[in-house]
PDB file of N, CA and C in Angstrom:
ATOM      1  N   MET A   1       0.559  -1.043   0.076  1.00  0.00           N
ATOM      2  CA  MET A   1      -0.157   0.076  -0.291  1.00  0.00           C
ATOM      3  C   MET A   1       0.771   1.738   0.098  1.00  0.00           C
ATOM      4  N   LEU A   2       0.439   2.308  -0.639  1.00  0.00           N
ATOM      5  CA  LEU A   2       1.200   3.183  -0.319  1.00  0.00           C
ATOM      6  C   LEU A   2       0.961   4.382   0.909  1.00  0.00           C
ATOM      7  N   SER A   3       2.044   4.733   0.739  1.00  0.00           N
ATOM      8  CA  SER A   3       1.695   5.610   1.944  1.00  0.00           C
ATOM      9  C   SER A   3       1.542   7.189   1.307  1.00  0.00           C
ATOM     10  N   PRO A   4       0.028   8.134   1.837  1.00  0.00           N
ATOM     11  CA  PRO A   4      -0.740   9.357   2.036  1.00  0.00           C
ATOM     12  C   PRO A   4       0.814  10.192   1.137  1.00  0.00           C
ATOM     13  N   ALA A   5       2.074  10.307   1.106  1.00  0.00           N
ATOM     14  CA  ALA A   5       2.632  11.261   1.142  1.00  0.00           C
ATOM     15  C   ALA A   5       3.471  11.056  -0.417  1.00  0.00           C
ATOM     16  N   PHE A   6       2.307   9.944  -0.404  1.00  0.00           N
ATOM     17  CA  PHE A   6       3.840   8.961  -3.007  1.00  0.00           C
ATOM     18  C   PHE A   6       2.207   8.266  -3.368  1.00  0.00           C
ATOM     19  N   ALA A   7       0.778   9.416  -2.496  1.00  0.00           N
ATOM     20  CA  ALA A   7      -0.324   9.188  -3.858  1.00  0.00           C
ATOM     21  C   ALA A   7      -0.365  10.053  -4.710  1.00  0.00           C
ATOM     22  N   VAL A   8      -0.346   9.203  -5.705  1.00  0.00           N
ATOM     23  CA  VAL A   8      -0.855  10.477  -7.148  1.00  0.00           C
ATOM     24  C   VAL A   8      -1.799  11.148  -7.243  1.00  0.00           C
ATOM     25  N   ASP A   9      -1.613  12.052  -6.635  1.00  0.00           N
ATOM     26  CA  ASP A   9      -2.786  13.272  -6.646  1.00  0.00           C
ATOM     27  C   ASP A   9      -2.512  14.505  -8.234  1.00  0.00           C
ATOM     28  N   VAL A  10      -1.568  14.432  -8.451  1.00  0.00           N
ATOM     29  CA  VAL A  10      -2.343  15.396  -9.714  1.00  0.00           C
ATOM     30  C   VAL A  10      -1.444  15.212 -10.530  1.00  0.00           C
ATOM     31  N   ILE A  11      -1.869  15.176 -11.063  1.00  0.00           N
ATOM     32  CA  ILE A  11      -0.825  15.686 -12.604  1.00  0.00           C
ATOM     33  C   ILE A  11      -1.280  16.995 -13.329  1.00  0.00           C
ATOM     34  N   ILE A  12       0.504  17.568 -13.728  1.00  0.00           N
ATOM     35  CA  ILE A  12      -0.274  18.725 -14.013  1.00  0.00           C
ATOM     36  C   ILE A  12      -0.131  19.110 -15.335  1.00  0.00           C
ATOM     37  N   ASN A  13       0.156  20.694 -15.619  1.00  0.00           N
ATOM     38  CA  ASN A  13       1.287  21.300 -16.745  1.00  0.00           C
ATOM     39  C   ASN A  13       0.893  22.474 -16.974  1.00  0.00           C
ATOM     40  N   ASN A  14       2.063  22.883 -17.802  1.00  0.00           N
ATOM     41  CA  ASN A  14       1.589  24.544 -17.789  1.00  0.00           C
ATOM     42  C   ASN A  14       0.916  25.091 -17.839  1.00  0.00           C
ATOM     43  N   ALA A  15       0.303  26.444 -17.223  1.00  0.00           N
ATOM     44  CA  ALA A  15      -0.859  26.788 -17.454  1.00  0.00           C
ATOM     45  C   ALA A  15      -1.253  27.783 -18.827  1.00  0.00           C
ATOM     46  N   ASN A  16      -0.337  27.534 -19.525  1.00  0.00           N
ATOM     47  CA  ASN A  16      -0.898  28.086 -20.988  1.00  0.00           C
ATOM     48  C   ASN A  16      -0.939  26.580 -22.260  1.00  0.00           C
ATOM     49  N   ASN A  17      -1.063  25.652 -21.591  1.00  0.00           N
ATOM     50  CA  ASN A  17      -1.098  24.795 -22.158  1.00  0.00           C
ATOM     51  C   ASN A  17      -3.009  24.347 -23.146  1.00  0.00           C
ATOM     52  N   GLU A  18      -2.854  23.840 -23.405  1.00  0.00           N
ATOM     53  CA  GLU A  18      -4.334  23.616 -23.892  1.00  0.00           C
ATOM     54  C   GLU A  18      -4.800  22.418 -22.829  1.00  0.00           C
ATOM     55  N   GLN A  19      -6.653  22.720 -22.323  1.00  0.00           N
ATOM     56  CA  GLN A  19      -6.205  21.444 -22.108  1.00  0.00           C
ATOM     57  C   GLN A  19      -7.289  20.531 -22.852  1.00  0.00           C
ATOM     58  N   PHE A  20      -7.363  19.280 -22.030  1.00  0.00           N
ATOM     59  CA  PHE A  20      -6.730  17.571 -23.092  1.00  0.00           C
ATOM     60  C   PHE A  20      -7.331  16.766 -22.030  1.00  0.00           C
ATOM     61  N   SER A  21      -8.248  15.951 -22.672  1.00  0.00           N
ATOM     62  CA  SER A  21      -9.017  14.544 -21.502  1.00  0.00           C
ATOM     63  C   SER A  21      -7.887  13.859 -20.592  1.00  0.00           C
ATOM     64  N   GLN A  22      -8.121  13.520 -19.594  1.00  0.00           N
ATOM     65  CA  GLN A  22      -7.516  13.090 -18.602  1.00  0.00           C
ATOM     66  C   GLN A  22      -7.209  10.909 -18.776  1.00  0.00           C
ATOM     67  N   ALA A  23      -8.393  11.155 -19.828  1.00  0.00           N
ATOM     68  CA  ALA A  23      -8.604   9.242 -20.025  1.00  0.00           C
ATOM     69  C   ALA A  23      -6.935   8.532 -19.818  1.00  0.00           C
ATOM     70  N   PRO A  24      -7.409   7.743 -19.296  1.00  0.00           N
ATOM     71  CA  PRO A  24      -5.604   6.608 -19.537  1.00  0.00           C
ATOM     72  C   PRO A  24      -5.278   6.074 -20.156  1.00  0.00           C
ATOM     73  N   ASN A  25      -6.040   5.886 -21.378  1.00  0.00           N
ATOM     74  CA  ASN A  25      -5.772   5.837 -22.648  1.00  0.00           C
ATOM     75  C   ASN A  25      -4.953   7.296 -23.434  1.00  0.00           C
ATOM     76  N   ASN A  26      -6.029   8.624 -22.893  1.00  0.00           N
ATOM     77  CA  ASN A  26      -4.170   9.981 -23.739  1.00  0.00           C
ATOM     78  C   ASN A  26      -3.392  10.292 -21.936  1.00  0.00           C
ATOM     79  N   LEU A  27      -3.230   9.531 -21.342  1.00  0.00           N
ATOM     80  CA  LEU A  27      -2.684   9.820 -20.447  1.00  0.00           C
ATOM     81  C   LEU A  27      -1.347   8.916 -21.590  1.00  0.00           C
ATOM     82  N   ARG A  28      -1.723   7.388 -20.710  1.00  0.00           N
ATOM     83  CA  ARG A  28      -0.634   6.883 -21.126  1.00  0.00           C
ATOM     84  C   ARG A  28      -0.072   6.638 -23.010  1.00  0.00           C
ATOM     85  N   ALA A  29      -0.602   7.349 -23.687  1.00  0.00           N
ATOM     86  CA  ALA A  29       0.312   7.885 -24.898  1.00  0.00           C
ATOM     87  C   ALA A  29       1.127   8.718 -24.695  1.00  0.00           C
ATOM     88  N   ILE A  30       0.536   9.607 -24.576  1.00  0.00           N
ATOM     89  CA  ILE A  30       1.441  11.178 -23.625  1.00  0.00           C
ATOM     90  C   ILE A  30       2.887  10.856 -23.268  1.00  0.00           C
ATOM     91  N   PHE A  31       2.560   9.425 -22.420  1.00  0.00           N
ATOM     92  CA  PHE A  31       3.805   9.243 -21.046  1.00  0.00           C
ATOM     93  C   PHE A  31       4.175   8.134 -21.979  1.00  0.00           C
ATOM     94  N   SER A  32       4.127   7.546 -22.134  1.00  0.00           N
ATOM     95  CA  SER A  32       5.098   6.584 -23.204  1.00  0.00           C
ATOM     96  C   SER A  32       4.817   7.533 -24.762  1.00  0.00           C
ATOM     97  N   MET A  33       5.058   8.855 -24.568  1.00  0.00           N
ATOM     98  CA  MET A  33       6.082   9.152 -26.149  1.00  0.00           C
ATOM     99  C   MET A  33       4.704   9.108 -27.782  1.00  0.00           C
ATOM    100  N   ARG A  34       4.448   8.018 -27.257  1.00  0.00           N
ATOM    101  CA  ARG A  34       3.057   8.462 -28.767  1.00  0.00           C
ATOM    102  C   ARG A  34       2.789   8.913 -28.939  1.00  0.00           C
ATOM    103  N   THR A  35       1.899   9.974 -28.722  1.00  0.00           N
ATOM    104  CA  THR A  35       1.763  11.233 -28.402  1.00  0.00           C
ATOM    105  C   THR A  35       2.395  12.438 -27.568  1.00  0.00           C
ATOM    106  N   ARG A  36       3.008  12.944 -29.256  1.00  0.00           N
ATOM    107  CA  ARG A  36       3.810  13.898 -29.241  1.00  0.00           C
ATOM    108  C   ARG A  36       3.363  15.128 -29.450  1.00  0.00           C
ATOM    109  N   TYR A  37       2.422  15.820 -29.575  1.00  0.00           N
ATOM    110  CA  TYR A  37       1.721  16.792 -30.004  1.00  0.00           C
ATOM    111  C   TYR A  37       0.678  17.415 -28.981  1.00  0.00           C
ATOM    112  N   TRP A  38       0.638  18.147 -28.880  1.00  0.00           N
ATOM    113  CA  TRP A  38      -0.745  18.703 -28.043  1.00  0.00           C
ATOM    114  C   TRP A  38      -2.655  19.375 -29.336  1.00  0.00           C
ATOM    115  N   PRO A  39      -3.237  19.177 -29.246  1.00  0.00           N
ATOM    116  CA  PRO A  39      -4.340  19.194 -29.833  1.00  0.00           C
ATOM    117  C   PRO A  39      -3.961  20.395 -30.708  1.00  0.00           C
ATOM    118  N   ASN A  40      -3.127  21.587 -30.672  1.00  0.00           N
ATOM    119  CA  ASN A  40      -2.645  22.859 -30.686  1.00  0.00           C
ATOM    120  C   ASN A  40      -1.879  23.195 -31.628  1.00  0.00           C
ATOM    121  N   GLY A  41      -1.232  21.368 -31.813  1.00  0.00           N
ATOM    122  CA  GLY A  41      -0.628  20.954 -33.257  1.00  0.00           C
ATOM    123  C   GLY A  41       1.296  21.845 -32.262  1.00  0.00           C
ATOM    124  N   GLU A  42       1.473  22.076 -31.442  1.00  0.00           N
ATOM    125  CA  GLU A  42       2.792  22.242 -29.915  1.00  0.00           C
ATOM    126  C   GLU A  42       2.993  20.807 -29.627  1.00  0.00           C
ATOM    127  N   LYS A  43       4.715  20.694 -29.469  1.00  0.00           N
ATOM    128  CA  LYS A  43       5.365  20.248 -28.942  1.00  0.00           C
ATOM    129  C   LYS A  43       5.004  19.499 -27.254  1.00  0.00           C
ATOM    130  N   ILE A  44       4.849  18.382 -27.261  1.00  0.00           N
ATOM    131  CA  ILE A  44       4.523  17.883 -25.273  1.00  0.00           C
ATOM    132  C   ILE A  44       5.895  18.131 -24.948  1.00  0.00           C
ATOM    133  N   ARG A  45       5.925  18.617 -24.175  1.00  0.00           N
ATOM    134  CA  ARG A  45       6.951  18.434 -23.480  1.00  0.00           C
ATOM    135  C   ARG A  45       6.792  17.498 -22.445  1.00  0.00           C
ATOM    136  N   VAL A  46       7.142  16.621 -21.305  1.00  0.00           N
ATOM    137  CA  VAL A  46       7.208  15.288 -20.502  1.00  0.00           C
ATOM    138  C   VAL A  46       9.102  15.204 -19.915  1.00  0.00           C
ATOM    139  N   PHE A  47       7.199  14.986 -18.789  1.00  0.00           N
ATOM    140  CA  PHE A  47       8.486  15.631 -17.565  1.00  0.00           C
ATOM    141  C   PHE A  47       8.288  14.203 -16.360  1.00  0.00           C
ATOM    142  N   VAL A  48       9.288  12.927 -16.160  1.00  0.00           N
ATOM    143  CA  VAL A  48       9.185  12.159 -15.260  1.00  0.00           C
ATOM    144  C   VAL A  48      10.296  12.084 -14.618  1.00  0.00           C
ATOM    145  N   LEU A  49       9.642  11.316 -13.252  1.00  0.00           N
ATOM    146  CA  LEU A  49      10.910  11.225 -11.950  1.00  0.00           C
ATOM    147  C   LEU A  49      11.382   9.862 -11.613  1.00  0.00           C
ATOM    148  N   PRO A  50      12.629   9.965 -11.822  1.00  0.00           N
ATOM    149  CA  PRO A  50      13.219   8.326 -11.857  1.00  0.00           C
ATOM    150  C   PRO A  50      12.783   7.371 -11.788  1.00  0.00           C
ATOM    151  N   ASP A  51      12.995   6.175 -12.385  1.00  0.00           N
ATOM    152  CA  ASP A  51      12.344   5.048 -12.353  1.00  0.00           C
ATOM    153  C   ASP A  51      11.972   4.468 -11.100  1.00  0.00           C
ATOM    154  N   SER A  52      13.009   4.708 -10.319  1.00  0.00           N
ATOM    155  CA  SER A  52      12.971   4.354  -8.598  1.00  0.00           C
ATOM    156  C   SER A  52      12.340   4.847  -7.868  1.00  0.00           C
ATOM    157  N   HIS A  53      11.940   6.335  -7.881  1.00  0.00           N
ATOM    158  CA  HIS A  53      10.930   7.145  -7.375  1.00  0.00           C
ATOM    159  C   HIS A  53       9.270   6.351  -6.981  1.00  0.00           C
ATOM    160  N   THR A  54       9.485   7.064  -5.582  1.00  0.00           N
ATOM    161  CA  THR A  54       8.145   5.898  -5.085  1.00  0.00           C
ATOM    162  C   THR A  54       6.769   6.656  -6.242  1.00  0.00           C
ATOM    163  N   LEU A  55       6.716   8.028  -6.188  1.00  0.00           N
ATOM    164  CA  LEU A  55       5.745   8.793  -6.920  1.00  0.00           C
ATOM    165  C   LEU A  55       5.953   7.909  -8.259  1.00  0.00           C
ATOM    166  N   HIS A  56       7.129   7.837  -8.990  1.00  0.00           N
ATOM    167  CA  HIS A  56       6.710   7.658 -10.147  1.00  0.00           C
ATOM    168  C   HIS A  56       6.026   6.598 -10.634  1.00  0.00           C
ATOM    169  N   LYS A  57       6.498   5.842  -9.671  1.00  0.00           N
ATOM    170  CA  LYS A  57       6.257   3.257  -9.699  1.00  0.00           C
ATOM    171  C   LYS A  57       4.244   4.129  -9.105  1.00  0.00           C
ATOM    172  N   ALA A  58       3.695   5.229  -8.826  1.00  0.00           N
ATOM    173  CA  ALA A  58       2.450   4.939  -8.246  1.00  0.00           C
ATOM    174  C   ALA A  58       2.078   5.785  -9.393  1.00  0.00           C
ATOM    175  N   PHE A  59       2.847   6.691  -9.638  1.00  0.00           N
ATOM    176  CA  PHE A  59       1.602   7.121 -10.656  1.00  0.00           C
ATOM    177  C   PHE A  59       1.839   6.830 -12.614  1.00  0.00           C
ATOM    178  N   VAL A  60       2.472   5.183 -12.505  1.00  0.00           N
ATOM    179  CA  VAL A  60       2.848   4.619 -13.637  1.00  0.00           C
ATOM    180  C   VAL A  60       1.367   3.257 -13.670  1.00  0.00           C
ATOM    181  N   LYS A  61       1.069   2.690 -12.411  1.00  0.00           N
ATOM    182  CA  LYS A  61       0.288   2.105 -12.312  1.00  0.00           C
ATOM    183  C   LYS A  61      -0.757   2.639 -11.947  1.00  0.00           C
ATOM    184  N   GLU A  62      -1.181   3.253 -10.985  1.00  0.00           N
ATOM    185  CA  GLU A  62      -2.427   3.882 -11.279  1.00  0.00           C
ATOM    186  C   GLU A  62      -2.887   4.645 -12.412  1.00  0.00           C
ATOM    187  N   LYS A  63      -2.432   5.840 -12.895  1.00  0.00           N
ATOM    188  CA  LYS A  63      -2.791   6.736 -13.594  1.00  0.00           C
ATOM    189  C   LYS A  63      -2.578   5.906 -15.370  1.00  0.00           C
ATOM    190  N   LEU A  64      -1.561   5.196 -15.370  1.00  0.00           N
ATOM    191  CA  LEU A  64      -1.111   4.743 -17.122  1.00  0.00           C
ATOM    192  C   LEU A  64      -1.646   3.064 -17.265  1.00  0.00           C
ATOM    193  N   GLN A  65      -2.229   2.833 -15.770  1.00  0.00           N
ATOM    194  CA  GLN A  65      -2.230   1.495 -16.138  1.00  0.00           C
ATOM    195  C   GLN A  65      -1.338   0.433 -16.200  1.00  0.00           C
ATOM    196  N   MET A  66      -0.225   0.581 -15.501  1.00  0.00           N
ATOM    197  CA  MET A  66       0.927  -0.065 -17.051  1.00  0.00           C
ATOM    198  C   MET A  66       1.625  -0.247 -15.299  1.00  0.00           C
ATOM    199  N   PHE A  67       2.662  -0.995 -15.802  1.00  0.00           N
ATOM    200  CA  PHE A  67       3.500  -0.740 -14.766  1.00  0.00           C
ATOM    201  C   PHE A  67       5.031  -0.411 -15.280  1.00  0.00           C
ATOM    202  N   PRO A  68       6.326  -0.083 -14.317  1.00  0.00           N
ATOM    203  CA  PRO A  68       6.864   0.781 -14.733  1.00  0.00           C
ATOM    204  C   PRO A  68       7.680   0.440 -16.024  1.00  0.00           C
ATOM    205  N   HIS A  69       7.893  -1.217 -15.382  1.00  0.00           N
ATOM    206  CA  HIS A  69       9.027  -1.770 -16.585  1.00  0.00           C
ATOM    207  C   HIS A  69       8.771  -1.567 -17.981  1.00  0.00           C
ATOM    208  N   GLN A  70       7.203  -1.631 -17.849  1.00  0.00           N
ATOM    209  CA  GLN A  70       6.360  -1.678 -19.381  1.00  0.00           C
ATOM    210  C   GLN A  70       6.958  -0.028 -19.966  1.00  0.00           C
ATOM    211  N   LEU A  71       6.788   0.442 -19.275  1.00  0.00           N
ATOM    212  CA  LEU A  71       7.054   1.847 -19.850  1.00  0.00           C
ATOM    213  C   LEU A  71       8.474   2.477 -20.109  1.00  0.00           C
ATOM    214  N   ARG A  72       9.366   1.591 -19.085  1.00  0.00           N
ATOM    215  CA  ARG A  72      10.955   2.096 -19.749  1.00  0.00           C
ATOM    216  C   ARG A  72      11.195   1.271 -20.623  1.00  0.00           C
ATOM    217  N   ARG A  73      10.737   0.035 -21.150  1.00  0.00           N
ATOM    218  CA  ARG A  73      10.268  -0.664 -22.126  1.00  0.00           C
ATOM    219  C   ARG A  73      10.191   0.150 -23.688  1.00  0.00           C
ATOM    220  N   THR A  74       9.722   0.916 -22.935  1.00  0.00           N
ATOM    221  CA  THR A  74       8.188   1.248 -24.837  1.00  0.00           C
ATOM    222  C   THR A  74      10.023   2.520 -24.758  1.00  0.00           C
ATOM    223  N   TRP A  75       9.868   2.846 -24.139  1.00  0.00           N
ATOM    224  CA  TRP A  75      11.067   4.579 -23.994  1.00  0.00           C
ATOM    225  C   TRP A  75      12.120   3.743 -24.820  1.00  0.00           C
ATOM    226  N   ASP A  76      12.705   2.588 -24.082  1.00  0.00           N
ATOM    227  CA  ASP A  76      14.174   2.226 -24.626  1.00  0.00           C
ATOM    228  C   ASP A  76      13.829   2.040 -26.081  1.00  0.00           C
ATOM    229  N   ARG A  77      13.244   1.415 -26.415  1.00  0.00           N
ATOM    230  CA  ARG A  77      12.631   0.732 -27.905  1.00  0.00           C
ATOM    231  C   ARG A  77      12.880   1.934 -28.306  1.00  0.00           C
ATOM    232  N   MET A  78      12.058   2.780 -28.531  1.00  0.00           N
ATOM    233  CA  MET A  78      11.816   4.630 -29.246  1.00  0.00           C
ATOM    234  C   MET A  78      13.636   4.851 -29.318  1.00  0.00           C
ATOM    235  N   THR A  79      14.332   4.336 -28.511  1.00  0.00           N
ATOM    236  CA  THR A  79      15.521   5.281 -28.477  1.00  0.00           C
ATOM    237  C   THR A  79      16.010   4.612 -29.450  1.00  0.00           C
ATOM    238  N   TYR A  80      16.105   3.089 -28.845  1.00  0.00           N
ATOM    239  CA  TYR A  80      16.888   2.070 -29.646  1.00  0.00           C
ATOM    240  C   TYR A  80      16.583   2.453 -31.400  1.00  0.00           C
ATOM    241  N   THR A  81      15.312   2.528 -31.702  1.00  0.00           N
ATOM    242  CA  THR A  81      15.154   2.376 -33.084  1.00  0.00           C
ATOM    243  C   THR A  81      15.392   3.794 -33.806  1.00  0.00           C
ATOM    244  N   GLY A  82      15.532   4.822 -32.897  1.00  0.00           N
ATOM    245  CA  GLY A  82      15.270   6.144 -33.359  1.00  0.00           C
ATOM    246  C   GLY A  82      13.909   6.560 -33.420  1.00  0.00           C
ATOM    247  N   THR A  83      13.323   6.204 -33.103  1.00  0.00           N
ATOM    248  CA  THR A  83      11.599   6.516 -34.145  1.00  0.00           C
ATOM    249  C   THR A  83      11.328   7.546 -32.373  1.00  0.00           C
ATOM    250  N   GLY A  84      12.188   7.767 -31.707  1.00  0.00           N
ATOM    251  CA  GLY A  84      11.162   8.762 -30.373  1.00  0.00           C
ATOM    252  C   GLY A  84      12.748   9.258 -29.185  1.00  0.00           C
ATOM    253  N   GLN A  85      12.763   9.759 -27.979  1.00  0.00           N
ATOM    254  CA  GLN A  85      13.943   9.965 -27.413  1.00  0.00           C
ATOM    255  C   GLN A  85      12.189  10.334 -25.840  1.00  0.00           C
ATOM    256  N   PRO A  86      13.536   9.197 -25.026  1.00  0.00           N
ATOM    257  CA  PRO A  86      12.378   9.437 -23.788  1.00  0.00           C
ATOM    258  C   PRO A  86      12.743  10.620 -22.338  1.00  0.00           C
ATOM    259  N   PRO A  87      11.166  10.627 -22.099  1.00  0.00           N
ATOM    260  CA  PRO A  87      11.270  12.291 -21.350  1.00  0.00           C
ATOM    261  C   PRO A  87      12.058  12.325 -21.272  1.00  0.00           C
ATOM    262  N   VAL A  88      12.098  13.450 -20.681  1.00  0.00           N
ATOM    263  CA  VAL A  88      13.541  14.613 -19.668  1.00  0.00           C
ATOM    264  C   VAL A  88      13.021  14.313 -17.767  1.00  0.00           C
ATOM    265  N   THR A  89      13.739  12.849 -17.157  1.00  0.00           N
ATOM    266  CA  THR A  89      14.093  12.863 -15.751  1.00  0.00           C
ATOM    267  C   THR A  89      14.037  14.272 -15.015  1.00  0.00           C
ATOM    268  N   VAL A  90      13.542  14.622 -14.060  1.00  0.00           N
ATOM    269  CA  VAL A  90      13.766  15.223 -13.571  1.00  0.00           C
ATOM    270  C   VAL A  90      13.887  14.222 -12.073  1.00  0.00           C
ATOM    271  N   ASP A  91      15.295  15.269 -10.497  1.00  0.00           N
ATOM    272  CA  ASP A  91      15.810  14.690  -9.583  1.00  0.00           C
ATOM    273  C   ASP A  91      14.007  14.507  -8.515  1.00  0.00           C
ATOM    274  N   SER A  92      14.166  15.824  -8.579  1.00  0.00           N
ATOM    275  CA  SER A  92      12.498  15.831  -7.253  1.00  0.00           C
ATOM    276  C   SER A  92      11.129  16.280  -7.668  1.00  0.00           C
ATOM    277  N   ILE A  93       9.981  16.444  -7.092  1.00  0.00           N
ATOM    278  CA  ILE A  93       9.222  16.887  -7.634  1.00  0.00           C
ATOM    279  C   ILE A  93       8.659  18.473  -7.445  1.00  0.00           C
ATOM    280  N   ALA A  94      10.427  19.232  -6.452  1.00  0.00           N
ATOM    281  CA  ALA A  94      10.534  20.719  -6.626  1.00  0.00           C
ATOM    282  C   ALA A  94      10.961  21.240  -8.217  1.00  0.00           C
ATOM    283  N   GLU A  95      11.439  20.189  -8.588  1.00  0.00           N
ATOM    284  CA  GLU A  95      12.340  20.249  -9.772  1.00  0.00           C
ATOM    285  C   GLU A  95      11.307  20.134 -10.563  1.00  0.00           C
ATOM    286  N   MET A  96      10.614  19.165 -10.859  1.00  0.00           N
ATOM    287  CA  MET A  96       9.216  18.759 -11.593  1.00  0.00           C
ATOM    288  C   MET A  96       8.298  19.937 -11.671  1.00  0.00           C
ATOM    289  N   LEU A  97       8.463  20.894 -10.251  1.00  0.00           N
ATOM    290  CA  LEU A  97       7.478  22.454 -10.139  1.00  0.00           C
ATOM    291  C   LEU A  97       8.042  23.463 -10.566  1.00  0.00           C
ATOM    292  N   GLU A  98       9.368  23.172 -11.138  1.00  0.00           N
ATOM    293  CA  GLU A  98      10.120  24.348 -11.799  1.00  0.00           C
ATOM    294  C   GLU A  98       9.934  23.824 -13.307  1.00  0.00           C
ATOM    295  N   LYS A  99      10.859  23.028 -13.799  1.00  0.00           N
ATOM    296  CA  LYS A  99      10.386  22.894 -15.561  1.00  0.00           C
ATOM    297  C   LYS A  99       8.903  22.742 -15.950  1.00  0.00           C
ATOM    298  N   ILE A 100       7.920  22.173 -14.826  1.00  0.00           N
ATOM    299  CA  ILE A 100       7.208  22.581 -15.718  1.00  0.00           C
ATOM    300  C   ILE A 100       6.091  23.951 -15.693  1.00  0.00           C
ATOM    301  N   LYS A 101       6.715  25.013 -14.715  1.00  0.00           N
ATOM    302  CA  LYS A 101       6.314  26.312 -15.115  1.00  0.00           C
ATOM    303  C   LYS A 101       7.595  26.863 -16.195  1.00  0.00           C
ATOM    304  N   GLN A 102       8.520  26.892 -16.208  1.00  0.00           N
ATOM    305  CA  GLN A 102       9.029  27.408 -17.202  1.00  0.00           C
ATOM    306  C   GLN A 102       9.117  26.772 -18.417  1.00  0.00           C
ATOM    307  N   SER A 103       8.418  25.561 -19.234  1.00  0.00           N
ATOM    308  CA  SER A 103       8.649  25.376 -19.846  1.00  0.00           C
ATOM    309  C   SER A 103       7.175  24.769 -20.584  1.00  0.00           C
ATOM    310  N   LYS A 104       6.723  25.321 -21.663  1.00  0.00           N
ATOM    311  CA  LYS A 104       5.394  25.965 -22.260  1.00  0.00           C
ATOM    312  C   LYS A 104       5.048  24.592 -22.368  1.00  0.00           C
ATOM    313  N   TYR A 105       4.319  24.162 -22.671  1.00  0.00           N
ATOM    314  CA  TYR A 105       3.140  23.013 -23.563  1.00  0.00           C
ATOM    315  C   TYR A 105       4.566  21.041 -22.723  1.00  0.00           C
ATOM    316  N   SER A 106       4.393  22.169 -21.380  1.00  0.00           N
ATOM    317  CA  SER A 106       5.038  20.009 -20.626  1.00  0.00           C
ATOM    318  C   SER A 106       4.046  20.291 -19.699  1.00  0.00           C
ATOM    319  N   ILE A 107       3.954  19.061 -19.518  1.00  0.00           N
ATOM    320  CA  ILE A 107       3.431  17.752 -18.258  1.00  0.00           C
ATOM    321  C   ILE A 107       4.086  16.711 -17.663  1.00  0.00           C
ATOM    322  N   GLY A 108       3.261  17.071 -16.297  1.00  0.00           N
ATOM    323  CA  GLY A 108       3.937  15.888 -15.203  1.00  0.00           C
ATOM    324  C   GLY A 108       3.372  15.223 -14.113  1.00  0.00           C
ATOM    325  N   TYR A 109       4.331  15.392 -12.622  1.00  0.00           N
ATOM    326  CA  TYR A 109       2.938  15.158 -12.241  1.00  0.00           C
ATOM    327  C   TYR A 109       3.516  14.839 -11.034  1.00  0.00           C
ATOM    328  N   ILE A 110       2.212  15.350  -9.682  1.00  0.00           N
ATOM    329  CA  ILE A 110       3.111  15.893  -8.253  1.00  0.00           C
ATOM    330  C   ILE A 110       2.513  15.451  -7.477  1.00  0.00           C
ATOM    331  N   ASP A 111       2.498  14.446  -5.839  1.00  0.00           N
ATOM    332  CA  ASP A 111       1.800  14.126  -5.074  1.00  0.00           C
ATOM    333  C   ASP A 111       1.351  15.019  -4.192  1.00  0.00           C
ATOM    334  N   ARG A 112       0.848  16.281  -4.708  1.00  0.00           N
ATOM    335  CA  ARG A 112      -0.015  17.274  -3.987  1.00  0.00           C
ATOM    336  C   ARG A 112      -0.245  18.489  -5.083  1.00  0.00           C
ATOM    337  N   ARG A 113      -1.489  19.434  -4.472  1.00  0.00           N
ATOM    338  CA  ARG A 113      -2.662  19.739  -5.488  1.00  0.00           C
ATOM    339  C   ARG A 113      -1.319  21.150  -4.952  1.00  0.00           C
ATOM    340  N   VAL A 114      -1.054  22.187  -5.939  1.00  0.00           N
ATOM    341  CA  VAL A 114      -0.222  23.452  -5.411  1.00  0.00           C
ATOM    342  C   VAL A 114      -1.634  24.919  -5.809  1.00  0.00           C
ATOM    343  N   ASP A 115      -1.377  25.808  -5.728  1.00  0.00           N
ATOM    344  CA  ASP A 115      -1.770  26.753  -5.861  1.00  0.00           C
ATOM    345  C   ASP A 115      -0.980  27.632  -6.485  1.00  0.00           C
ATOM    346  N   ASP A 116      -0.755  27.509  -7.600  1.00  0.00           N
ATOM    347  CA  ASP A 116       0.777  28.000  -8.033  1.00  0.00           C
ATOM    348  C   ASP A 116      -0.371  28.621  -9.818  1.00  0.00           C
ATOM    349  N   ALA A 117      -0.682  30.201  -9.777  1.00  0.00           N
ATOM    350  CA  ALA A 117      -0.573  30.330 -11.411  1.00  0.00           C
ATOM    351  C   ALA A 117      -0.245  30.453 -12.350  1.00  0.00           C
ATOM    352  N   GLU A 118       1.336  29.569 -12.321  1.00  0.00           N
ATOM    353  CA  GLU A 118       1.852  28.393 -13.499  1.00  0.00           C
ATOM    354  C   GLU A 118       1.223  27.263 -13.854  1.00  0.00           C
ATOM    355  N   ILE A 119       0.896  26.787 -13.072  1.00  0.00           N
ATOM    356  CA  ILE A 119       0.699  25.685 -13.261  1.00  0.00           C
ATOM    357  C   ILE A 119      -1.049  25.038 -13.055  1.00  0.00           C
ATOM    358  N   ARG A 120      -1.200  24.371 -14.222  1.00  0.00           N
ATOM    359  CA  ARG A 120      -1.907  24.206 -14.277  1.00  0.00           C
ATOM    360  C   ARG A 120      -2.812  22.614 -13.984  1.00  0.00           C
ATOM    361  N   LEU A 121      -4.045  22.416 -13.012  1.00  0.00           N
ATOM    362  CA  LEU A 121      -4.240  20.864 -12.623  1.00  0.00           C
ATOM    363  C   LEU A 121      -4.691  20.562 -14.157  1.00  0.00           C
ATOM    364  N   PHE A 122      -4.199  19.427 -14.864  1.00  0.00           N
ATOM    365  CA  PHE A 122      -4.340  18.554 -15.932  1.00  0.00           C
ATOM    366  C   PHE A 122      -6.094  18.280 -16.355  1.00  0.00           C
ATOM    367  N   ASP A 123      -6.944  19.093 -16.384  1.00  0.00           N
ATOM    368  CA  ASP A 123      -7.743  18.532 -16.861  1.00  0.00           C
ATOM    369  C   ASP A 123      -8.538  18.666 -15.713  1.00  0.00           C
ATOM    370  N   ASN A 124      -8.904  19.265 -15.194  1.00  0.00           N
ATOM    371  CA  ASN A 124      -9.921  20.218 -13.884  1.00  0.00           C
ATOM    372  C   ASN A 124      -9.972  19.307 -13.491  1.00  0.00           C
ATOM    373  N   GLN A 125      -8.943  18.582 -12.404  1.00  0.00           N
ATOM    374  CA  GLN A 125      -8.433  17.643 -11.037  1.00  0.00           C
ATOM    375  C   GLN A 125      -9.725  18.407 -10.394  1.00  0.00           C
TER     376      GLN A 125
END
C-alpha cells in the first residue's frame, strides 16, 4: 500500500497548455511518447521522476495502468530504433514543479495540489 505522501494526486501542466482529456489511454499515449503533440500542434514536453522514485511507480501503476518496467521498455525501444526520445527525468518533485513552470506545453505529475498561477491541474482535476 502506498503512503499518503506518495499517492498520485495531481497531473500538472504549464498554465499555457490546452485542456486535454485525462482518460487513461490519453495519459498513457502522452507518457509513453506515442502522442507527441498537443491538439493545437505544439510539441509536448514530458517530465518524469526517476524509475526508482516511489511516486513514479505509483503514477505509472495508478494513472497509466501499466508497470514501470513496461513504460521503460517502451522508451528504450524508441531510443534504440531512433523513433523517439524518452521524457526528461527530473530529480525531485520541486524540480518537476520548476520545469513545468518554465516549459510551455509541458506535463508532469506531483503528489499534492499546488496553488500556483503558472501551474494548471490537468483536465480540471
